[in-house]
Amino acid sequence: MTDAERKRTGGGRPGRGLTLADVARALQVSKATVSNAYNRPDQLSAQLRERILSEAAQLGYPGPDPIAATFSRRRAGAIGLVFDDPLTFALVDPAEALFVTGLGDVCEQAGVGLVLIPRGSSDDFVQRAVVDGFVLHCDLDGDTRVDAAIGRRLPVVVVDGPARTGAGHVGIDDRAGAAAAARHLIDLGHRRIAVLALPLQADGRSGPADAMRQRSARFHVIRQRLAGYRDELTATGIDWADVPVVECGPYSREAGYRAAGTLLDGPSRPTALLAASDELALGALLAAAERSIAVPEQLSVVGFDDAPTAAWATPALTTVHQPHYDKGRAAAEQLLKPAGRAETILPTRLVIRGSTSALT
């Protein structure tokens, strides 16, 4: 900084000591003009904005304080994504990664950032997050983070969990999708069918889930999928109490592998498995292969999700397709609409591949 510039800026020092007012004095323009160069470039000619940015950089001014700018605009320029699952799972699970990609694409197109808020976060974290709204991928009944988000009177969209008053909602008809999977196995002649269930509660439990455990399920998605399986099996005359339901927690492909192994080693081996996700189904395929149980000749397996890994499995997995990427896009688009919240139910369809066949 030259002596003349130092005098014009009141002796301010380079770096964080310089304020927008110091820069305006040094450049002999108004504070509004300097502010527009950073925050409202369309208000200035390209030449004037370039001169201001260039000379401000030479003075050592890094730009407006982003936190102060957020408060002055009353807009953060970001939305918060609240997860039911750990961030590591959300970023590596094939289905979840597609959802986040869809959400992120809309945010990128809108020039909006994405703040990831993990499962272990508290209500206070949600209350303090500097965001313009929330997408809550929260399926757990009574998740107080949903209440905290709605209480901030910001736009809120709940994904997959139960619809809530004061929030938008994006999901699928899990019950109908699961019913289609069960009907497929019934039509193939299967009657000895077992279920690999997603976790029913957030306690990490794994093993057989009796009727009481099923009734106490706190996750909306698995409640709906179990109901869909039950609808079709009981309509065929199968007693639901005779259908083995094994809870796979903590959720992972390995949990599906262990649960399927227990069923396949049992005295009354099922001829078909209804897996409540593709990850559980892929674990089941491995368990069958290790026991030299041929799929689909000796065991049919149906998943749920149609993640990219399903088509590449050996054999390719029959599954219920849901549009994960579109779900992410729909949640972001709904949140960023000024017109308010809505209900969006996306379609599912059964994709038949090589992991199922008629009972012989």
Protein backbone atom coordinates (compact mmCIF):
# COMPACT_ATOMS: atom_id res chain seq x y z
CA MET A 1 0.00 0.00 0.00
CA THR A 2 1.42 3.40 -0.95
CA ASP A 3 1.59 6.30 1.52
CA ALA A 4 -1.25 8.00 -0.35
CA GLU A 5 -3.41 4.90 -0.16
CA ARG A 6 -2.53 4.42 3.50
CA LYS A 7 -3.60 7.99 4.19
CA ARG A 8 -6.88 7.57 2.26
CA THR A 9 -7.72 4.37 4.14
CA GLY A 10 -6.98 5.93 7.49
CA GLY A 11 -3.78 3.94 8.01
CA GLY A 12 -5.55 0.58 7.76
CA ARG A 13 -3.26 -2.42 7.50
CA PRO A 14 -3.49 -5.01 4.69
CA GLY A 15 -5.49 -8.19 5.19
CA ARG A 16 -8.28 -8.58 7.64
CA GLY A 17 -7.81 -5.08 9.09
CA LEU A 18 -9.17 -3.44 5.95
CA THR A 19 -12.88 -2.79 5.79
CA LEU A 20 -15.16 -2.20 2.83
CA ALA A 21 -15.31 1.48 3.86
CA ASP A 22 -11.48 1.68 3.77
CA VAL A 23 -11.45 0.28 0.24
CA ALA A 24 -14.17 2.69 -0.90
CA ARG A 25 -12.14 5.64 0.41
CA ALA A 26 -8.97 4.38 -1.22
CA LEU A 27 -10.68 3.90 -4.60
CA GLN A 28 -12.75 7.10 -4.24
CA VAL A 29 -16.05 5.33 -4.87
CA SER A 30 -19.07 4.72 -2.65
CA LYS A 31 -19.33 1.78 -0.27
CA ALA A 32 -22.37 0.62 -2.24
CA THR A 33 -20.26 0.43 -5.40
CA VAL A 34 -17.63 -1.73 -3.70
CA SER A 35 -20.33 -3.92 -2.19
CA ASN A 36 -21.98 -4.36 -5.60
CA ALA A 37 -18.68 -5.46 -7.10
CA TYR A 38 -18.73 -8.48 -4.76
CA ASN A 39 -22.41 -9.13 -4.14
CA ARG A 40 -24.36 -7.67 -7.09
CA PRO A 41 -22.07 -7.72 -10.12
CA ASP A 42 -25.00 -7.12 -12.48
CA GLN A 43 -25.30 -3.59 -11.03
CA LEU A 44 -21.90 -2.54 -12.43
CA SER A 45 -20.21 -2.52 -15.80
CA ALA A 46 -17.71 -5.32 -16.30
CA GLN A 47 -14.87 -2.78 -16.58
CA LEU A 48 -15.74 -0.98 -13.32
CA ARG A 49 -16.15 -4.23 -11.41
CA GLU A 50 -12.82 -5.56 -12.68
CA ARG A 51 -11.06 -2.33 -11.66
CA ILE A 52 -12.55 -2.43 -8.16
CA LEU A 53 -11.68 -6.10 -7.61
CA SER A 54 -8.18 -5.66 -8.96
CA GLU A 55 -7.36 -2.56 -6.92
CA ALA A 56 -8.99 -4.01 -3.79
CA ALA A 57 -6.77 -7.08 -4.14
CA GLN A 58 -3.72 -4.86 -4.43
CA LEU A 59 -4.75 -3.12 -1.22
CA GLY A 60 -4.96 -6.51 0.48
CA TYR A 61 -8.74 -6.57 0.89
CA PRO A 62 -10.00 -10.20 0.75
CA GLY A 63 -13.66 -9.31 0.22
CA PRO A 64 -16.67 -8.93 2.52
CA ASP A 65 -16.84 -11.08 5.64
CA PRO A 66 -19.11 -13.98 4.53
CA ILE A 67 -20.73 -14.27 7.96
CA ALA A 68 -21.46 -10.57 8.14
CA ALA A 69 -22.77 -10.66 4.56
CA THR A 70 -25.07 -13.53 5.48
CA PHE A 71 -26.61 -11.52 8.30
CA SER A 72 -26.97 -8.38 6.23
CA ARG A 73 -28.69 -10.26 3.39
CA ARG A 74 -30.61 -12.53 5.81
CA ARG A 75 -29.71 -15.34 3.42
CA ALA A 76 -27.07 -18.03 3.83
CA GLY A 77 -27.00 -19.27 0.24
CA ALA A 78 -27.05 -22.90 1.45
CA ILE A 79 -29.50 -25.60 2.47
CA GLY A 80 -28.98 -28.17 5.21
CA LEU A 81 -29.24 -31.89 4.48
CA VAL A 82 -30.03 -33.79 7.69
CA PHE A 83 -29.32 -37.53 7.59
CA ASP A 84 -30.65 -40.54 9.45
CA ASP A 85 -27.40 -42.33 8.66
CA PRO A 86 -23.72 -41.56 9.27
CA LEU A 87 -22.18 -39.30 6.62
CA THR A 88 -19.82 -42.10 5.61
CA PHE A 89 -22.82 -44.31 4.75
CA ALA A 90 -24.62 -41.50 2.95
CA LEU A 91 -21.63 -40.92 0.69
CA VAL A 92 -20.77 -44.56 -0.15
CA ASP A 93 -24.13 -46.40 -0.21
CA PRO A 94 -25.02 -46.63 -3.93
CA ALA A 95 -28.69 -45.66 -3.49
CA GLU A 96 -27.96 -42.82 -1.06
CA ALA A 97 -25.19 -41.48 -3.26
CA LEU A 98 -27.65 -41.14 -6.15
CA PHE A 99 -30.04 -39.21 -3.91
CA VAL A 100 -27.30 -36.80 -2.81
CA THR A 101 -26.20 -36.37 -6.44
CA GLY A 102 -29.70 -35.36 -7.50
CA LEU A 103 -29.95 -32.92 -4.63
CA GLY A 104 -26.49 -31.51 -5.31
CA ASP A 105 -27.13 -31.02 -9.02
CA VAL A 106 -30.13 -28.77 -8.32
CA CYS A 107 -28.18 -26.83 -5.69
CA GLU A 108 -25.29 -26.33 -8.08
CA GLN A 109 -27.58 -25.09 -10.84
CA ALA A 110 -29.22 -22.68 -8.39
CA GLY A 111 -25.88 -21.43 -7.02
CA VAL A 112 -26.74 -22.78 -3.57
CA GLY A 113 -24.44 -24.63 -1.20
CA LEU A 114 -25.16 -27.88 0.64
CA VAL A 115 -24.43 -28.32 4.36
CA LEU A 116 -24.31 -31.98 5.47
CA ILE A 117 -25.68 -32.58 8.98
CA PRO A 118 -24.98 -36.11 10.27
CA ARG A 119 -27.13 -38.52 12.24
CA GLY A 120 -25.43 -37.79 15.55
CA SER A 121 -26.21 -34.08 15.39
CA SER A 122 -28.41 -32.61 18.11
CA ASP A 123 -31.43 -30.34 17.90
CA ASP A 124 -29.09 -27.50 18.83
CA PHE A 125 -26.98 -28.19 15.75
CA VAL A 126 -30.08 -27.87 13.57
CA GLN A 127 -31.16 -24.72 15.38
CA ARG A 128 -27.76 -23.07 14.86
CA ALA A 129 -27.08 -24.18 11.29
CA VAL A 130 -26.60 -21.17 8.99
CA VAL A 131 -28.88 -22.33 6.15
CA ASP A 132 -31.96 -21.13 4.27
CA GLY A 133 -33.91 -24.37 4.70
CA PHE A 134 -33.63 -28.08 5.38
CA VAL A 135 -34.00 -31.34 3.50
CA LEU A 136 -34.54 -33.94 6.21
CA HIS A 137 -33.76 -37.50 5.11
CA CYS A 138 -35.10 -38.65 8.44
CA ASP A 139 -37.24 -41.75 8.76
CA LEU A 140 -37.23 -42.25 12.54
CA ASP A 141 -40.50 -41.62 14.39
CA GLY A 142 -40.18 -38.81 16.89
CA ASP A 143 -36.92 -37.45 15.44
CA THR A 144 -36.80 -34.13 17.28
CA ARG A 145 -34.47 -32.66 14.66
CA VAL A 146 -37.49 -32.48 12.33
CA ASP A 147 -39.36 -30.47 14.96
CA ALA A 148 -36.34 -28.22 15.46
CA ALA A 149 -36.12 -27.51 11.71
CA ILE A 150 -39.84 -26.80 11.36
CA GLY A 151 -39.68 -24.60 14.46
CA ARG A 152 -37.19 -22.29 12.76
CA ARG A 153 -39.91 -21.30 10.27
CA LEU A 154 -37.60 -22.02 7.35
CA PRO A 155 -38.60 -24.09 4.30
CA VAL A 156 -38.45 -27.79 5.21
CA VAL A 157 -38.86 -30.92 3.08
CA VAL A 158 -39.00 -34.39 4.66
CA VAL A 159 -37.76 -37.25 2.45
CA ASP A 160 -38.97 -40.84 2.99
CA GLY A 161 -40.16 -40.23 6.54
CA PRO A 162 -43.80 -39.61 7.46
CA ALA A 163 -45.30 -36.41 6.06
CA ARG A 164 -45.34 -33.61 8.64
CA THR A 165 -47.51 -30.53 9.05
CA GLY A 166 -45.54 -27.46 8.08
CA ALA A 167 -43.15 -29.33 5.80
CA GLY A 168 -43.04 -30.55 2.24
CA HIS A 169 -42.68 -34.24 1.55
CA VAL A 170 -40.96 -36.41 -1.07
CA GLY A 171 -41.16 -40.19 -1.10
CA ILE A 172 -42.41 -43.32 -2.80
CA ASP A 173 -45.21 -45.78 -2.10
CA ASP A 174 -43.03 -48.27 -0.23
CA ARG A 175 -45.99 -50.47 0.59
CA ALA A 176 -47.03 -50.88 -3.04
CA GLY A 177 -43.45 -51.51 -4.15
CA ALA A 178 -42.97 -54.23 -1.55
CA ALA A 179 -46.32 -55.78 -2.47
CA ALA A 180 -45.20 -56.03 -6.10
CA ALA A 181 -42.02 -57.84 -5.02
CA ALA A 182 -44.00 -60.34 -2.93
CA ARG A 183 -46.58 -60.86 -5.68
CA HIS A 184 -43.76 -61.69 -8.13
CA LEU A 185 -42.52 -64.53 -5.91
CA ILE A 186 -46.03 -65.81 -5.29
CA ASP A 187 -46.73 -65.87 -9.03
CA LEU A 188 -43.57 -67.94 -9.46
CA GLY A 189 -45.00 -70.55 -7.09
CA HIS A 190 -43.01 -69.72 -3.95
CA ARG A 191 -44.68 -70.18 -0.59
CA ARG A 192 -41.72 -70.71 1.76
CA ILE A 193 -40.61 -67.09 1.77
CA ALA A 194 -38.48 -65.22 4.34
CA VAL A 195 -37.84 -61.50 4.80
CA LEU A 196 -34.55 -59.68 5.35
CA ALA A 197 -35.68 -56.50 7.08
CA LEU A 198 -34.03 -53.13 7.47
CA PRO A 199 -33.48 -52.10 11.11
CA LEU A 200 -36.78 -51.63 12.93
CA GLN A 201 -35.39 -49.42 15.67
CA ALA A 202 -32.23 -47.38 16.18
CA ASP A 203 -30.70 -49.84 18.64
CA GLY A 204 -28.43 -51.82 16.30
CA ARG A 205 -30.27 -55.08 16.98
CA SER A 206 -29.96 -58.00 14.56
CA GLY A 207 -31.89 -61.26 14.52
CA PRO A 208 -35.42 -62.65 14.29
CA ALA A 209 -38.11 -59.98 14.67
CA ASP A 210 -41.29 -61.29 16.28
CA ALA A 211 -44.72 -59.68 15.95
CA MET A 212 -44.14 -57.37 18.91
CA ARG A 213 -40.81 -56.18 17.52
CA GLN A 214 -42.41 -55.53 14.14
CA ARG A 215 -45.28 -53.56 15.71
CA SER A 216 -42.79 -51.42 17.61
CA ALA A 217 -40.82 -50.46 14.48
CA ARG A 218 -39.93 -46.77 14.56
CA PHE A 219 -38.78 -46.45 10.94
CA HIS A 220 -41.51 -45.51 8.47
CA VAL A 221 -39.93 -47.13 5.39
CA ILE A 222 -39.52 -50.62 6.83
CA ARG A 223 -42.99 -50.48 8.42
CA GLN A 224 -44.45 -49.79 5.00
CA ARG A 225 -42.39 -52.45 3.23
CA LEU A 226 -43.27 -55.11 5.79
CA ALA A 227 -46.92 -54.15 5.39
CA GLY A 228 -46.64 -54.56 1.61
CA TYR A 229 -45.05 -57.99 1.94
CA ARG A 230 -47.69 -59.01 4.49
CA ASP A 231 -50.57 -57.76 2.31
CA GLU A 232 -49.66 -60.04 -0.58
CA LEU A 233 -48.57 -63.10 1.38
CA THR A 234 -51.67 -63.17 3.59
CA ALA A 235 -53.91 -62.57 0.57
CA THR A 236 -52.47 -65.81 -0.82
CA GLY A 237 -53.31 -67.68 2.35
CA ILE A 238 -49.85 -67.63 3.95
CA ASP A 239 -49.95 -67.00 7.70
CA TRP A 240 -47.70 -63.99 8.36
CA ALA A 241 -46.75 -65.50 11.71
CA ASP A 242 -45.10 -68.34 9.76
CA VAL A 243 -42.98 -65.96 7.67
CA PRO A 244 -39.46 -65.57 9.14
CA VAL A 245 -38.57 -61.88 9.44
CA VAL A 246 -34.92 -61.26 10.28
CA GLU A 247 -33.81 -57.76 11.25
CA CYS A 248 -30.46 -56.75 9.76
CA GLY A 249 -28.78 -54.25 12.00
CA PRO A 250 -26.61 -52.30 12.02
CA TYR A 251 -27.60 -51.87 8.38
CA SER A 252 -25.01 -53.13 5.89
CA ARG A 253 -24.44 -55.71 3.19
CA GLU A 254 -22.64 -57.78 5.80
CA ALA A 255 -25.78 -57.75 7.99
CA GLY A 256 -27.76 -59.17 5.05
CA TYR A 257 -25.09 -61.80 4.54
CA ARG A 258 -25.24 -62.91 8.19
CA ALA A 259 -29.05 -62.93 8.34
CA ALA A 260 -29.37 -64.87 5.08
CA GLY A 261 -26.79 -67.38 6.30
CA THR A 262 -28.85 -68.04 9.42
CA LEU A 263 -31.96 -68.67 7.31
CA LEU A 264 -30.18 -70.85 4.78
CA ASP A 265 -28.61 -72.97 7.51
CA GLY A 266 -31.94 -73.50 9.25
CA PRO A 267 -34.05 -76.68 9.26
CA SER A 268 -36.71 -75.27 6.90
CA ARG A 269 -34.73 -73.43 4.27
CA PRO A 270 -36.78 -70.83 2.36
CA THR A 271 -37.09 -71.07 -1.40
CA ALA A 272 -37.19 -67.29 -1.73
CA LEU A 273 -36.01 -64.17 0.11
CA LEU A 274 -37.61 -60.74 0.13
CA ALA A 275 -34.80 -58.31 0.95
CA ALA A 276 -35.90 -54.82 1.96
CA SER A 277 -32.90 -53.30 0.16
CA ASP A 278 -30.44 -54.24 -2.56
CA GLU A 279 -27.54 -54.14 -0.10
CA LEU A 280 -29.22 -56.82 2.02
CA ALA A 281 -30.02 -58.83 -1.11
CA LEU A 282 -26.40 -58.67 -2.30
CA GLY A 283 -25.31 -60.03 1.07
CA ALA A 284 -27.82 -62.85 0.64
CA LEU A 285 -26.43 -63.73 -2.80
CA LEU A 286 -22.97 -64.11 -1.28
CA ALA A 287 -24.30 -66.27 1.55
CA ALA A 288 -26.03 -68.54 -0.98
CA ALA A 289 -22.93 -68.79 -3.17
CA GLU A 290 -20.76 -69.81 -0.20
CA ARG A 291 -23.21 -72.65 0.51
CA SER A 292 -23.38 -73.75 -3.14
CA ILE A 293 -27.08 -72.87 -3.22
CA ALA A 294 -27.86 -71.97 -6.83
CA VAL A 295 -29.69 -68.70 -7.47
CA PRO A 296 -32.33 -68.75 -8.88
CA GLU A 297 -32.67 -72.53 -9.33
CA GLN A 298 -32.68 -73.28 -5.59
CA LEU A 299 -33.27 -69.84 -4.13
CA SER A 300 -34.93 -66.73 -5.56
CA VAL A 301 -33.93 -63.31 -4.20
CA VAL A 302 -35.70 -59.96 -4.66
CA GLY A 303 -34.20 -56.66 -3.52
CA PHE A 304 -35.51 -53.13 -3.22
CA ASP A 305 -33.91 -49.93 -4.60
CA ASP A 306 -32.43 -50.86 -7.99
CA ALA A 307 -29.12 -49.25 -7.10
CA PRO A 308 -26.47 -49.47 -9.85
CA THR A 309 -24.93 -52.51 -8.16
CA ALA A 310 -28.13 -54.55 -8.66
CA ALA A 311 -27.70 -54.98 -12.41
CA TRP A 312 -24.04 -56.00 -11.96
CA ALA A 313 -24.68 -58.67 -9.34
CA THR A 314 -24.21 -62.38 -10.11
CA PRO A 315 -26.88 -63.21 -11.05
CA ALA A 316 -28.34 -59.80 -11.83
CA LEU A 317 -30.77 -58.84 -9.09
CA THR A 318 -34.54 -58.71 -9.46
CA THR A 319 -35.55 -55.63 -7.48
CA VAL A 320 -38.00 -52.79 -6.99
CA HIS A 321 -36.78 -49.68 -8.78
CA GLN A 322 -37.14 -46.33 -7.10
CA PRO A 323 -35.79 -43.11 -8.67
CA HIS A 324 -33.16 -42.08 -6.11
CA TYR A 325 -31.64 -39.33 -8.25
CA ASP A 326 -35.06 -37.89 -9.05
CA LYS A 327 -35.95 -38.03 -5.37
CA GLY A 328 -32.98 -35.79 -4.57
CA ARG A 329 -33.86 -33.40 -7.37
CA ALA A 330 -37.52 -33.25 -6.31
CA ALA A 331 -36.58 -32.46 -2.70
CA ALA A 332 -34.23 -29.63 -3.69
CA GLU A 333 -36.60 -28.17 -6.27
CA GLN A 334 -39.48 -28.23 -3.82
CA LEU A 335 -37.39 -26.57 -1.12
CA LEU A 336 -36.15 -23.81 -3.41
CA LYS A 337 -39.59 -23.00 -4.82
CA PRO A 338 -41.02 -19.78 -3.43
CA ALA A 339 -44.57 -21.14 -3.76
CA GLY A 340 -44.44 -23.32 -0.67
CA ARG A 341 -44.31 -26.98 0.18
CA ALA A 342 -46.05 -29.87 -1.53
CA GLU A 343 -46.42 -33.66 -1.56
CA THR A 344 -44.41 -35.54 -4.19
CA ILE A 345 -44.79 -39.32 -4.50
CA LEU A 346 -42.49 -40.80 -7.13
CA PRO A 347 -43.26 -44.06 -8.98
CA THR A 348 -41.72 -47.48 -8.40
CA ARG A 349 -41.62 -50.52 -10.67
CA LEU A 350 -40.52 -54.12 -10.43
CA VAL A 351 -37.40 -54.90 -12.48
CA ILE A 352 -37.15 -58.62 -13.20
CA ARG A 353 -33.64 -59.99 -13.73
CA GLY A 354 -31.85 -63.27 -13.18
CA SER A 355 -32.12 -63.77 -9.42
CA THR A 356 -35.70 -65.11 -9.51
CA SER A 357 -37.33 -68.05 -11.28
CA ALA A 358 -40.33 -70.34 -11.00
CA LEU A 359 -40.29 -72.88 -8.21
CA THR A 360 -39.49 -76.35 -9.59
